[in-house]
Protein backbone atom coordinates (compact mmCIF):
# COMPACT_ATOMS: atom_id res chain seq x y z
CA MET A 1 -13.48 7.76 -27.63
CA LYS A 2 -12.74 4.06 -27.85
CA LYS A 3 -10.20 2.63 -25.40
CA LEU A 4 -10.08 5.70 -23.18
CA LEU A 5 -13.33 4.70 -21.56
CA GLY A 6 -11.96 1.30 -20.66
CA ILE A 7 -9.88 3.12 -18.07
CA LEU A 8 -13.00 3.47 -15.98
CA LEU A 9 -12.80 -0.22 -15.15
CA LEU A 10 -9.79 0.47 -12.97
CA TYR A 11 -11.87 2.08 -10.33
CA LEU A 12 -14.26 -0.83 -9.91
CA LEU A 13 -17.13 1.33 -8.80
CA CYS A 14 -20.82 1.00 -9.50
CA CYS A 15 -23.21 3.92 -9.28
CA ASN A 16 -26.79 4.80 -10.16
CA VAL A 17 -27.85 7.34 -12.73
CA GLY A 18 -28.51 10.75 -11.23
CA PHE A 19 -28.79 14.20 -12.69
CA ALA A 20 -30.44 16.16 -9.88
CA SER A 21 -28.30 18.96 -8.50
CA GLU A 22 -28.83 17.84 -4.90
CA ALA A 23 -27.12 14.49 -5.60
CA GLY A 24 -23.71 15.90 -4.86
CA ALA A 25 -20.71 15.68 -7.16
CA ILE A 26 -17.27 14.33 -6.37
CA ARG A 27 -15.21 16.78 -4.27
CA GLU A 28 -18.33 18.90 -3.63
CA ALA A 29 -18.54 19.78 0.05
CA GLY A 30 -21.99 19.57 1.66
CA THR A 31 -23.89 22.68 2.75
CA ASP A 32 -27.00 21.30 4.49
CA GLN A 33 -26.76 22.59 8.08
CA LYS A 34 -29.49 20.25 9.40
CA CYS A 35 -27.63 17.21 8.08
CA PHE A 36 -24.36 18.52 9.52
CA ASP A 37 -25.97 19.12 12.92
CA LEU A 38 -27.33 15.59 12.89
CA PHE A 39 -23.88 14.10 12.37
CA GLU A 40 -22.27 16.36 14.93
CA ARG A 41 -24.93 15.52 17.50
CA GLU A 42 -24.28 11.82 16.97
CA LYS A 43 -20.50 12.40 17.25
CA ILE A 44 -19.93 10.49 14.00
CA PHE A 45 -16.80 12.45 13.09
CA LYS A 46 -15.13 11.97 16.46
CA GLU A 47 -16.15 8.39 17.12
CA LYS A 48 -16.29 6.89 13.62
CA PHE A 49 -14.10 8.92 11.30
CA LEU A 50 -11.10 10.11 13.31
CA PRO A 51 -10.02 6.63 14.45
CA LYS A 52 -9.83 5.54 10.82
CA VAL A 53 -7.63 8.52 9.92
CA LYS A 54 -4.94 7.11 12.16
CA LEU A 55 -5.21 3.65 10.65
CA SER A 56 -5.37 4.69 7.00
CA GLU A 57 -2.37 4.24 4.75
CA GLY A 58 -3.16 7.14 2.44
CA ILE A 59 -5.41 10.19 2.35
CA PHE A 60 -8.71 9.54 4.14
CA VAL A 61 -11.93 11.11 2.79
CA THR A 62 -15.55 10.74 3.85
CA TYR A 63 -18.90 11.42 2.15
CA ILE A 64 -22.19 11.63 4.03
CA GLY A 65 -25.88 12.15 3.36
CA CYS A 66 -29.25 12.42 5.11
CA ASN A 67 -32.75 11.55 3.99
CA LYS A 68 -35.34 14.27 3.49
CA TYR A 69 -36.84 13.73 6.95
CA TYR A 70 -33.44 13.92 8.71
CA ASP A 71 -34.25 10.79 10.68
CA ASP A 72 -31.83 8.54 8.81
CA TRP A 73 -28.35 9.01 7.41
CA SER A 74 -25.29 7.14 6.21
CA TRP A 75 -21.72 7.63 5.07
CA GLU A 76 -18.85 6.03 3.18
CA TYR A 77 -15.10 6.51 3.37
CA SER A 78 -11.94 5.54 1.54
CA SER A 79 -8.21 6.12 1.74
CA ASP A 80 -5.56 6.00 -0.96
CA THR A 81 -2.18 7.51 -1.72
CA ASP A 82 -3.91 9.08 -4.76
CA ILE A 83 -6.48 11.53 -3.40
CA GLY A 84 -8.44 11.45 -6.66
CA ILE A 85 -8.97 7.71 -6.31
CA ALA A 86 -9.89 8.11 -2.63
CA HIS A 87 -12.63 10.58 -3.62
CA LEU A 88 -13.91 8.31 -6.40
CA LYS A 89 -14.14 5.26 -4.17
CA ALA A 90 -15.78 7.00 -1.21
CA HIS A 91 -18.27 8.97 -3.28
CA GLY A 92 -19.01 6.04 -5.58
CA ARG A 93 -19.78 3.68 -2.71
CA CYS A 94 -21.93 6.26 -0.96
CA ASP A 95 -23.90 7.01 -4.11
CA SER A 96 -24.35 3.41 -5.27
CA GLU A 97 -24.82 1.65 -1.93
CA GLN A 98 -25.81 4.02 0.87
CA LYS A 99 -27.96 6.47 -1.07
CA PRO A 100 -30.57 3.94 -2.31
CA LYS A 101 -30.40 1.90 0.91
CA TYR A 102 -31.19 4.87 3.20
CA ASN A 103 -33.03 7.11 0.70
CA LEU A 104 -30.39 9.81 1.03
CA MET A 105 -30.91 13.10 -0.74
CA GLY A 106 -27.30 12.99 -1.91
CA CYS A 107 -23.71 12.18 -1.00
CA HIS A 108 -21.50 15.15 -0.16
CA LEU A 109 -17.91 15.57 0.94
CA PHE A 110 -17.69 15.79 4.72
CA SER A 111 -14.02 15.53 5.68
CA ILE A 112 -10.50 15.15 4.34
CA GLY A 113 -8.03 13.61 6.76
CA ASP A 114 -8.92 14.94 10.20
CA ILE A 115 -10.45 18.18 8.87
CA ILE A 116 -14.17 18.80 8.37
CA VAL A 117 -14.76 20.63 5.07
CA TRP A 118 -18.58 20.57 5.18
CA GLY A 119 -19.92 24.06 4.50
CA LYS A 120 -16.60 25.30 3.08
CA ASP A 121 -15.96 26.64 -0.42
CA ASP A 122 -13.88 25.04 -3.20
CA ALA A 123 -10.82 27.12 -2.34
CA PHE A 124 -10.83 25.81 1.24
CA VAL A 125 -11.22 22.21 0.05
CA LYS A 126 -8.33 22.63 -2.39
CA LYS A 127 -6.09 24.11 0.31
CA VAL A 128 -6.84 21.23 2.70
CA GLU A 129 -6.08 18.70 -0.06
CA GLU A 130 -2.72 20.35 -0.73
CA GLU A 131 -1.81 20.34 2.97
CA VAL A 132 -2.86 16.72 3.47
CA ASN A 133 -0.98 15.70 0.31
CA ALA A 134 2.17 17.35 1.64
CA GLY A 135 1.79 15.52 4.96
CA LEU A 136 1.34 12.21 3.15
CA LYS A 137 4.53 12.72 1.15
CA THR A 138 6.48 13.26 4.37
CA LYS A 139 4.96 10.09 5.81
CA LEU A 140 5.84 8.06 2.72
CA VAL A 141 9.44 9.27 2.82
CA LYS A 142 9.74 8.01 6.39
CA LEU A 143 8.17 4.69 5.45
CA LYS A 144 10.60 4.27 2.58
CA THR A 145 13.57 5.03 4.85
CA ASN A 146 12.57 2.19 7.15
CA LEU A 147 11.46 -0.21 4.43
CA ASP A 148 14.73 -2.07 3.84
CA LYS A 149 15.30 -2.45 7.56
CA LYS A 150 11.83 -3.91 8.14
CA GLN A 151 12.12 -6.21 5.14
CA LYS A 152 15.42 -7.59 6.48
CA GLU A 153 13.80 -8.09 9.88
CA SER A 154 10.93 -9.95 8.22
CA ALA A 155 13.34 -12.11 6.25
CA ASN A 156 15.09 -13.12 9.47
CA ALA A 157 11.93 -13.55 11.53
CA LYS A 158 10.44 -16.83 12.66
CA PRO A 159 9.56 -18.98 9.62
CA LEU A 160 5.96 -19.38 8.56
CA THR A 161 4.23 -22.51 9.83
CA GLU A 162 2.95 -25.20 7.50
CA SER A 163 -0.63 -24.00 8.03
CA CYS A 164 0.46 -20.45 7.11
CA ILE A 165 2.14 -21.68 3.95
CA ARG A 166 -1.03 -23.53 2.96
CA LYS A 167 -3.03 -20.38 3.65
CA GLY A 168 -0.66 -18.31 1.53
CA THR A 169 -0.74 -20.83 -1.31
CA LYS A 170 -4.55 -20.72 -1.34
CA LEU A 171 -4.59 -16.90 -1.35
CA PHE A 172 -1.95 -16.85 -4.09
CA ALA A 173 -3.99 -19.09 -6.40
CA ALA A 174 -7.41 -17.59 -5.60
CA LYS A 175 -9.74 -16.60 -8.43
CA LYS A 176 -8.68 -12.95 -8.07
CA GLY A 177 -5.27 -13.68 -6.59
CA PRO A 178 -1.78 -12.63 -7.73
CA LYS A 179 -1.01 -15.84 -9.66
CA LEU A 180 -3.77 -15.39 -12.24
CA TYR A 181 -3.23 -11.63 -12.36
CA ALA A 182 0.48 -12.13 -13.07
CA LYS A 183 -0.26 -14.57 -15.89
CA LYS A 184 -2.67 -12.12 -17.52
CA ASN A 185 -0.33 -9.13 -17.01
CA LYS A 186 3.09 -10.49 -17.91
CA LYS A 187 4.68 -7.05 -18.20
CA LYS A 188 3.72 -6.07 -14.64
CA ALA A 189 5.60 -6.84 -11.44
CA VAL A 190 3.27 -8.72 -9.08
CA VAL A 191 4.42 -9.13 -5.49
CA MET A 192 2.68 -10.69 -2.46
CA TYR A 193 3.66 -10.47 1.23
CA LEU A 194 2.12 -12.65 3.92
CA GLY A 195 2.02 -12.20 7.70
CA CYS A 196 0.68 -15.18 9.58
CA LYS A 197 0.52 -16.85 13.02
CA SER A 198 -2.02 -19.49 12.10
CA SER A 199 -4.71 -20.25 9.56
CA ALA A 200 -7.03 -18.11 11.68
CA THR A 201 -4.67 -15.18 12.37
CA TRP A 202 -3.11 -13.71 9.28
CA GLY A 203 -2.84 -10.72 6.98
CA TYR A 204 -1.52 -10.25 3.47
CA ALA A 205 -1.26 -7.81 0.57
CA TRP A 206 -0.29 -7.98 -3.07
CA GLN A 207 0.36 -5.36 -5.70
CA GLY A 208 0.78 -5.41 -9.48
CA LEU A 209 2.67 -2.43 -10.89
CA ASP A 210 4.99 -1.52 -13.75
CA ASP A 211 7.79 -0.82 -11.27
CA PHE A 212 9.12 -3.85 -9.35
CA ASP A 213 10.58 -1.83 -6.46
CA LYS A 214 7.33 0.09 -5.98
CA ALA A 215 5.33 -3.12 -6.12
CA LYS A 216 7.46 -4.58 -3.31
CA GLU A 217 7.26 -1.38 -1.28
CA LYS A 218 3.50 -0.97 -1.57
CA SER A 219 2.60 -4.60 -0.93
CA PHE A 220 4.95 -4.82 2.06
CA ASN A 221 3.59 -1.62 3.62
CA LYS A 222 0.01 -2.70 3.07
CA CYS A 223 0.78 -6.06 4.66
CA LEU A 224 2.17 -4.26 7.74
CA VAL A 225 -1.05 -2.26 7.99
CA ASN A 226 -3.14 -5.41 7.63
CA ILE A 227 -1.34 -7.28 10.43
CA ALA A 228 -1.28 -4.31 12.80
CA GLY A 229 -2.86 -5.26 16.10
CA LYS A 230 -3.00 -9.00 15.34
CA GLY A 231 0.15 -9.93 17.23
CA ILE A 232 1.91 -11.00 14.03
CA LYS A 233 5.62 -10.25 14.05
CA ASN A 234 6.50 -10.24 10.37
CA CYS A 235 5.39 -9.91 6.75
CA ALA A 236 7.29 -12.43 4.63
CA LEU A 237 7.86 -12.16 0.90
CA PHE A 238 5.67 -14.99 -0.38
CA SER A 239 5.44 -14.68 -4.17
CA ILE A 240 6.87 -12.80 -7.11
CA GLY A 241 5.06 -12.92 -10.43
CA ASP A 242 3.31 -16.27 -10.85
CA LYS A 243 5.84 -18.10 -8.66
CA ILE A 244 5.90 -18.74 -4.90
CA VAL A 245 9.36 -17.78 -3.66
CA TYR A 246 8.90 -18.38 0.05
CA GLY A 247 11.09 -21.27 1.13
CA LYS A 248 13.02 -21.30 -2.18
CA ASP A 249 16.73 -20.69 -2.43
CA ALA A 250 18.25 -17.27 -3.13
CA ALA A 251 19.24 -18.16 -6.70
CA PHE A 252 15.64 -19.02 -7.62
CA ARG A 253 14.38 -15.70 -6.30
CA ALA A 254 17.25 -13.71 -7.83
CA GLU A 255 16.48 -15.08 -11.31
CA ILE A 256 12.84 -13.99 -11.08
CA GLU A 257 13.75 -10.57 -9.66
CA GLU A 258 16.29 -9.97 -12.43
CA LYS A 259 13.64 -10.55 -15.11
CA LEU A 260 11.17 -8.22 -13.42
CA ASN A 261 13.79 -5.52 -12.89
CA LYS A 262 14.60 -5.59 -16.60
CA GLN A 263 10.90 -5.36 -17.45
CA SER A 264 10.48 -2.47 -14.99
CA LEU A 265 13.30 -0.61 -16.71
CA LYS A 266 11.58 -1.11 -20.08
CA ASN A 267 8.29 0.10 -18.62
CA LYS A 268 9.94 3.23 -17.24
CA LYS A 269 11.56 4.05 -20.58
CA ARG A 270 8.31 3.40 -22.43
CA ASN A 271 6.22 5.48 -20.06
CA ILE A 272 8.21 8.71 -19.97
CA ASN A 273 7.00 10.04 -23.31
CA TYR A 274 3.57 11.28 -22.26
CA ALA A 275 2.49 14.05 -19.90
CA GLN A 276 -0.30 12.13 -18.15
CA GLU A 277 -1.24 8.48 -18.25
CA TYR A 278 -4.99 9.22 -18.28
CA LEU A 279 -5.63 12.68 -19.68
CA LEU A 280 -6.99 15.12 -17.07
CA TRP A 281 -8.49 12.19 -15.14
CA ASN A 282 -7.57 13.56 -11.72
CA ASN A 283 -7.87 17.23 -12.64
CA LYS A 284 -11.04 19.24 -12.10
CA VAL A 285 -10.99 21.38 -15.24
CA PHE A 286 -14.75 21.64 -15.78
CA SER A 287 -17.49 22.42 -13.26
CA LYS A 288 -21.27 22.73 -13.36
CA LYS A 289 -20.73 26.32 -12.29
CA ASP A 290 -18.70 27.23 -15.40
CA SER A 291 -20.13 29.69 -17.93
CA THR A 292 -22.35 28.18 -20.62
CA THR A 293 -23.76 29.66 -23.83
CA PHE A 294 -26.92 27.56 -23.45
CA LYS A 295 -30.12 29.61 -23.84
CA LYS A 296 -33.16 27.41 -24.41
CA LEU A 297 -34.31 23.80 -24.72
CA THR A 298 -37.42 23.01 -26.77
CA PHE A 299 -39.11 19.65 -27.20
CA LYS A 300 -39.86 18.94 -30.87
CA LYS A 301 -41.25 15.44 -31.32
CA GLU A 302 -40.72 11.71 -30.85
CA LYS A 303 -38.53 9.97 -33.41
CA ASN A 304 -37.75 6.41 -34.53
CA ILE A 305 -34.34 6.38 -36.22
CA SER A 306 -33.11 3.22 -37.91
CA ASP A 307 -29.49 2.13 -38.42
CA VAL A 308 -28.01 3.83 -35.36
CA ASN A 309 -24.79 2.29 -34.10
CA LYS A 310 -25.14 0.21 -30.94
CA ARG A 311 -22.00 0.67 -28.83
CA ILE A 312 -22.73 -0.74 -25.39
CA ASN A 313 -19.03 -1.25 -24.66
CA TYR A 314 -15.62 -0.69 -26.16
CA SER A 315 -15.44 -4.11 -27.79
CA ALA A 316 -18.84 -3.81 -29.50
CA ASN A 317 -18.96 -4.48 -33.23
CA TRP A 318 -19.19 -1.25 -35.22
CA LYS A 319 -21.55 -2.98 -37.64
CA THR A 320 -24.17 -3.61 -34.95
CA LYS A 321 -27.22 -1.38 -35.51
CA LYS A 322 -30.44 -0.69 -33.64
CA LEU A 323 -33.71 1.22 -33.85
CA PHE A 324 -33.21 4.39 -31.81
CA ARG A 325 -36.49 5.51 -30.18
CA ALA A 326 -36.05 9.03 -28.89
CA TYR A 327 -37.45 12.29 -27.66
CA SER A 328 -36.03 15.00 -29.90
CA PHE A 329 -35.13 18.39 -28.39
CA SER A 330 -33.63 21.49 -29.93
CA ALA A 331 -30.98 23.23 -27.82
CA GLU A 332 -30.26 26.87 -28.64
CA TYR A 333 -27.03 28.72 -27.82
CA GLU A 334 -25.50 32.12 -28.18
CA ASP A 335 -23.99 33.03 -31.59
CA ASN A 336 -26.93 31.36 -33.39
CA ILE A 337 -25.72 27.83 -32.66
CA THR A 338 -28.26 25.02 -32.35
CA VAL A 339 -27.98 21.27 -31.88
CA GLU A 340 -30.52 18.47 -31.87
CA VAL A 341 -30.46 16.45 -28.65
CA LEU A 342 -31.91 12.95 -28.91
CA ILE A 343 -32.73 11.07 -25.70
CA GLU A 344 -33.36 7.36 -26.19
CA TYR A 345 -36.16 5.53 -24.40
CA GLU A 346 -37.09 1.86 -24.28
CA LYS A 347 -40.17 0.62 -26.04
CA ASP A 348 -43.23 0.99 -23.79
CA LYS A 349 -41.08 2.60 -21.06
CA LYS A 350 -41.40 6.29 -21.78
CA ASP A 351 -40.42 8.86 -19.18
CA PHE A 352 -40.55 12.34 -20.66
CA LYS A 353 -39.59 14.12 -17.45
CA LYS A 354 -36.42 12.07 -17.04
CA ALA A 355 -35.59 12.53 -20.72
CA GLU A 356 -36.00 16.30 -20.42
CA GLU A 357 -33.70 16.34 -17.37
CA LYS A 358 -31.04 14.47 -19.31
CA ALA A 359 -31.40 16.73 -22.31
CA LEU A 360 -31.06 19.82 -20.11
CA PHE A 361 -28.00 18.38 -18.31
CA TYR A 362 -26.10 17.59 -21.52
CA SER A 363 -27.27 20.79 -23.24
CA LYS A 364 -25.77 22.92 -20.48
CA MET A 365 -22.53 20.93 -20.54
CA TYR A 366 -22.41 21.28 -24.33
CA GLY A 367 -22.78 25.03 -23.88
CA GLN A 368 -19.52 25.05 -21.89
CA MET A 369 -17.64 23.78 -24.94
CA PRO A 370 -15.88 26.49 -26.96
CA ASP A 371 -17.91 27.72 -29.91
CA PHE A 372 -15.60 26.23 -32.54
CA LEU A 373 -16.43 22.73 -31.26
CA LYS A 374 -20.18 23.43 -31.22
CA THR A 375 -20.29 25.00 -34.67
CA TYR A 376 -19.80 21.83 -36.71
CA ASN A 377 -21.48 19.13 -34.65
CA LYS A 378 -25.15 18.75 -35.52
CA LYS A 379 -26.60 16.13 -33.19
CA ILE A 380 -26.12 14.64 -29.72
CA TYR A 381 -27.37 11.10 -29.17
CA ILE A 382 -27.83 10.01 -25.55
CA HIS A 383 -28.20 6.22 -25.54
CA ASN A 384 -29.76 4.27 -22.69
CA ASP A 385 -28.37 0.76 -23.26
CA PHE A 386 -25.60 -0.01 -20.80
CA ALA A 387 -23.69 -3.27 -20.59
CA GLU A 388 -20.93 -2.56 -18.12
CA LYS A 389 -21.96 -3.47 -14.56
CA ASN A 390 -19.46 -1.04 -13.08
CA GLY A 391 -21.28 1.93 -14.56
CA SER A 392 -18.95 2.74 -17.43
CA GLY A 393 -20.12 3.13 -20.97
CA ASN A 394 -18.86 4.45 -24.24
CA ALA A 395 -18.67 7.61 -26.32
CA TRP A 396 -18.03 7.96 -30.02
CA VAL A 397 -18.60 10.17 -33.07
CA MET A 398 -19.91 9.63 -36.56
CA HIS A 399 -17.74 12.27 -38.17
CA LYS A 400 -19.31 11.94 -41.62
CA LYS A 401 -22.68 12.74 -40.07
CA LEU A 402 -21.23 15.27 -37.57
CA GLU A 403 -22.79 13.44 -34.62
CA PHE A 404 -21.71 12.89 -31.02
CA HIS A 405 -22.97 9.71 -29.31
CA THR A 406 -22.66 8.59 -25.71
CA ASN A 407 -24.10 6.00 -23.35
CA LEU A 408 -21.96 7.13 -20.44
CA ILE A 409 -23.89 7.17 -17.20
CA ASN A 410 -23.37 8.88 -13.87
CA CYS A 411 -21.68 11.95 -15.28
CA GLN A 412 -22.98 13.73 -12.20
CA ASN A 413 -21.40 11.30 -9.78
CA TYR A 414 -19.35 8.26 -10.74
CA LEU A 415 -17.30 9.81 -13.50
CA GLY A 416 -17.39 13.26 -12.06
CA TYR A 417 -18.67 16.20 -14.04
CA SER A 418 -15.23 17.24 -15.24
CA ARG A 419 -14.43 13.83 -16.66
CA CYS A 420 -17.60 13.72 -18.74
CA ALA A 421 -16.92 17.21 -20.06
CA VAL A 422 -13.36 16.18 -20.96
CA ILE A 423 -14.77 13.18 -22.86
CA MET A 424 -17.15 15.49 -24.71
CA VAL A 425 -14.26 17.76 -25.75
CA HIS A 426 -12.28 14.72 -26.93
CA GLU A 427 -15.14 13.42 -29.08
CA LEU A 428 -16.00 16.82 -30.58
CA GLY A 429 -12.31 17.08 -31.43
CA HIS A 430 -12.75 13.99 -33.61
CA VAL A 431 -15.57 15.78 -35.46
CA ILE A 432 -13.48 18.73 -36.57
CA GLU A 433 -10.32 16.73 -37.29
CA LYS A 434 -11.90 15.26 -40.41
CA LEU A 435 -12.95 18.68 -41.72
CA THR A 436 -9.96 19.55 -43.91
CA GLY A 437 -11.34 23.03 -44.43
CA VAL A 438 -10.64 23.58 -40.74
CA ILE A 439 -7.68 21.30 -40.03
CA SER A 440 -4.71 20.89 -42.38
CA PRO A 441 -3.56 17.24 -42.15
CA SER A 442 -0.04 18.13 -43.31
CA LYS A 443 0.40 20.93 -40.76
CA TRP A 444 -0.94 18.69 -38.00
CA GLN A 445 1.52 15.94 -38.93
CA LYS A 446 4.36 18.47 -39.00
CA ALA A 447 3.50 19.58 -35.43
CA ARG A 448 3.47 15.94 -34.30
CA ASN A 449 6.87 15.32 -35.86
CA LEU A 450 8.39 18.39 -34.22
CA ASP A 451 7.32 17.12 -30.79
CA LYS A 452 9.48 14.02 -31.42
CA GLN A 453 7.26 11.19 -30.23
CA LYS A 454 6.04 12.92 -27.09
CA TYR A 455 2.34 12.91 -26.23
CA ALA A 456 -0.31 14.47 -24.02
CA SER A 457 -1.41 11.07 -22.71
CA LYS A 458 -0.74 7.37 -23.01
CA TYR A 459 -3.90 6.92 -25.10
CA ALA A 460 -2.70 9.59 -27.55
CA LYS A 461 0.04 7.18 -28.61
CA LYS A 462 -2.51 4.86 -30.22
CA ASN A 463 -2.71 6.71 -33.56
CA SER A 464 -2.79 10.18 -35.11
CA HIS A 465 -6.58 10.49 -34.67
CA GLU A 466 -6.55 9.81 -30.93
CA ASP A 467 -3.47 11.99 -30.64
CA PHE A 468 -5.42 14.85 -32.23
CA ALA A 469 -8.43 14.47 -29.91
CA GLU A 470 -6.26 14.15 -26.79
CA SER A 471 -4.01 17.05 -27.84
CA ILE A 472 -6.83 19.47 -28.57
CA THR A 473 -8.39 18.57 -25.20
CA ALA A 474 -5.06 19.19 -23.47
CA TRP A 475 -4.66 22.48 -25.36
CA ILE A 476 -8.05 23.76 -24.16
CA ALA A 477 -7.19 22.81 -20.59
CA VAL A 478 -3.68 24.28 -20.68
CA ARG A 479 -4.61 27.54 -22.38
CA TYR A 480 -8.04 28.22 -20.85
CA LYS A 481 -8.56 25.99 -17.78
CA SER A 482 -5.07 25.82 -16.29
CA ASP A 483 -6.30 26.53 -12.76
CA GLY A 484 -7.61 22.99 -12.69
CA ILE A 485 -4.25 21.39 -13.54
CA ASN A 486 -1.48 20.94 -10.99
CA LYS A 487 1.77 22.77 -11.76
CA SER A 488 3.88 19.69 -12.45
CA ASP A 489 1.42 18.40 -15.08
CA LEU A 490 1.10 21.84 -16.59
CA THR A 491 4.88 21.94 -17.00
CA LYS A 492 4.84 18.50 -18.65
CA PHE A 493 2.22 19.52 -21.20
CA ASN A 494 4.29 22.54 -22.23
CA GLU A 495 7.45 20.43 -22.42
CA PHE A 496 6.00 17.40 -24.19
CA ILE A 497 3.66 18.90 -26.82
CA PRO A 498 4.76 22.53 -27.42
CA ASN A 499 4.36 22.32 -31.20
CA ARG A 500 0.91 20.81 -31.00
CA LEU A 501 -0.11 23.59 -28.61
CA LYS A 502 1.31 26.15 -31.04
CA PHE A 503 -0.55 24.48 -33.92
CA PHE A 504 -3.89 25.04 -32.17
CA ASP A 505 -2.89 28.55 -31.05
CA GLU A 506 -2.43 29.59 -34.66
CA LEU A 507 -5.88 28.39 -35.76
CA ASN A 508 -7.48 31.35 -33.93
CA PHE A 509 -10.57 29.40 -32.91
CA ASN A 510 -13.62 31.11 -31.41
CA MET A 511 -13.25 30.07 -27.77
CA HIS A 512 -16.43 31.64 -26.35
CA PRO A 513 -17.43 31.18 -23.50
CA LEU A 514 -13.93 30.27 -22.32
C-alpha cells in the first residue's frame, strides 16, 4: 500500500478503534427516535445548528449521539467546500472527542446544510448532498465574481497599523504558520491575508495550494469570513510564499507572483494525467450492507509467529521484524474458499472477545472482495501496533507468501468503511500481480503504453506495481460499483485508462459476489 496511506495525514483527525455496528459510519444517518426526540425537544437544530449554516463557508454537516440512558448527548459539526472532508472532520471529531467524553452509543449523521436527514435512507442523503453541492457552486461563482472588486477595495483601504503588522509578522512566522509551510512546500503557492484593527481585534487566513490564483481566492474569502462582525474594514494581502509583501513595492510583489504563477502552470500540466488525485477517496463504493460470500468463522488456536514484518508507519524499515502473538481463526466462504485470519494481541493483554469481533469484521469485508482476489491470498494479518497519533496506519502484502497485512485502525469510522475496503482491494491486487500464471507482464505493459502516460490516480504514477494495484481497484469500481462514483470521475476513468480497463475485462475473472 505504501505511500497511499500517508494521504490520511491530510485530514488531521484522531479516532478510537470501534467495530460495533451501533458506532455509526461516516455518512450514515441516525435512526434512533429517542435520541432524535431528545435533540428536537432541546431545540438543538434550531438554536445551535442553523445559525452556523449561515456563517459557514462551505457545506455544513453535523453528527450527534446520545448515551444509553438518554440523559446526556453531544454533537460535532464541520463545513468545507469538499463535502467528503466536511463529513470526515465532523464524524471524526464526534467519534474521537465527544463519544468517549459523554459515553455516546455512536455518532450518526444528523443534518446537511439546513436539512435534517436523521431517519432517512441513503438515497435521501445522496439527493440532499447533490442539492446542497449545487447551491454551493452557485455561491462560489458569486464570490468569485466579486473577488477582484473586494481585493482592490482592500488594497486601497486604510493601511494596517504598526501593531497589526507586528501581529501579522508573528502569525506568519508561527510554528505552524505560512512561512515554515512555504519553505517545506516550495512547489506550492502559499498566500496569507490579514484583517486587523488592533492587536486585540483581528482575523486572518492562509492557504497553500498548487494553484496560485485559487490560493489567493480561498485565503482572501476565508479572511473575510473570519473578520465578519468584528468591525474590520479590509483583508490585506500580507504574505506570498515565505516573504512578507505587505508594505513592499509593486515590483517586489510582482517578481514573487511571477515565479508562483509559473510553478502553478507546471503543477496544472503535471496534474492533468490522472483521473483522481486520491483513488476513490471521496466515493462510497463499498458498504457494510453489500453482499458477502462469508459463511463461517472458527477459532483454531493461539500462535506465536516469528519474523513477521513490523510496519507501524510508511517510513518503517522493511527489515524490522517482530514476534507476532495471535489468535488464529479460519474464515470460510462460498466456492470452497478459506483464509486464515490472525489477530495480534499484546503479551499479557489478551482479549479474545475483541479479537473475535475484529476477525469477524475483516472476514465479512474480505467476503465482499471478488472471488479472484480471494482465491490466491492465504492469510490476513491484523496487527495491533500503531504509531501514528492521527489514527492512520499501514497496509502491505508479502506476495511471495500470499499474505495481506494491515494495522489500519478505525475502518468503521475514521477511514470510513469504503476506504478500508478499497485499500484491501489494492493490496490483494498486489498479490495476484506477481502470479505470472494469472497476469502476463508483457500484456500489462502493453496496456499501460497504449494509455499514453495517463493514470487512475496520482499514486499510480509511482511505478508499474502501484499502477497495477490502483488500476485493478479502479476497474472493479468502474465496472461493478459505478453507482458509488460521480459521473465526472467515471468519465475520466474511461478516458484516461481505457486500455487498462480492457486488459482486465479480457481476463474473465470470477467476480462473485459482485
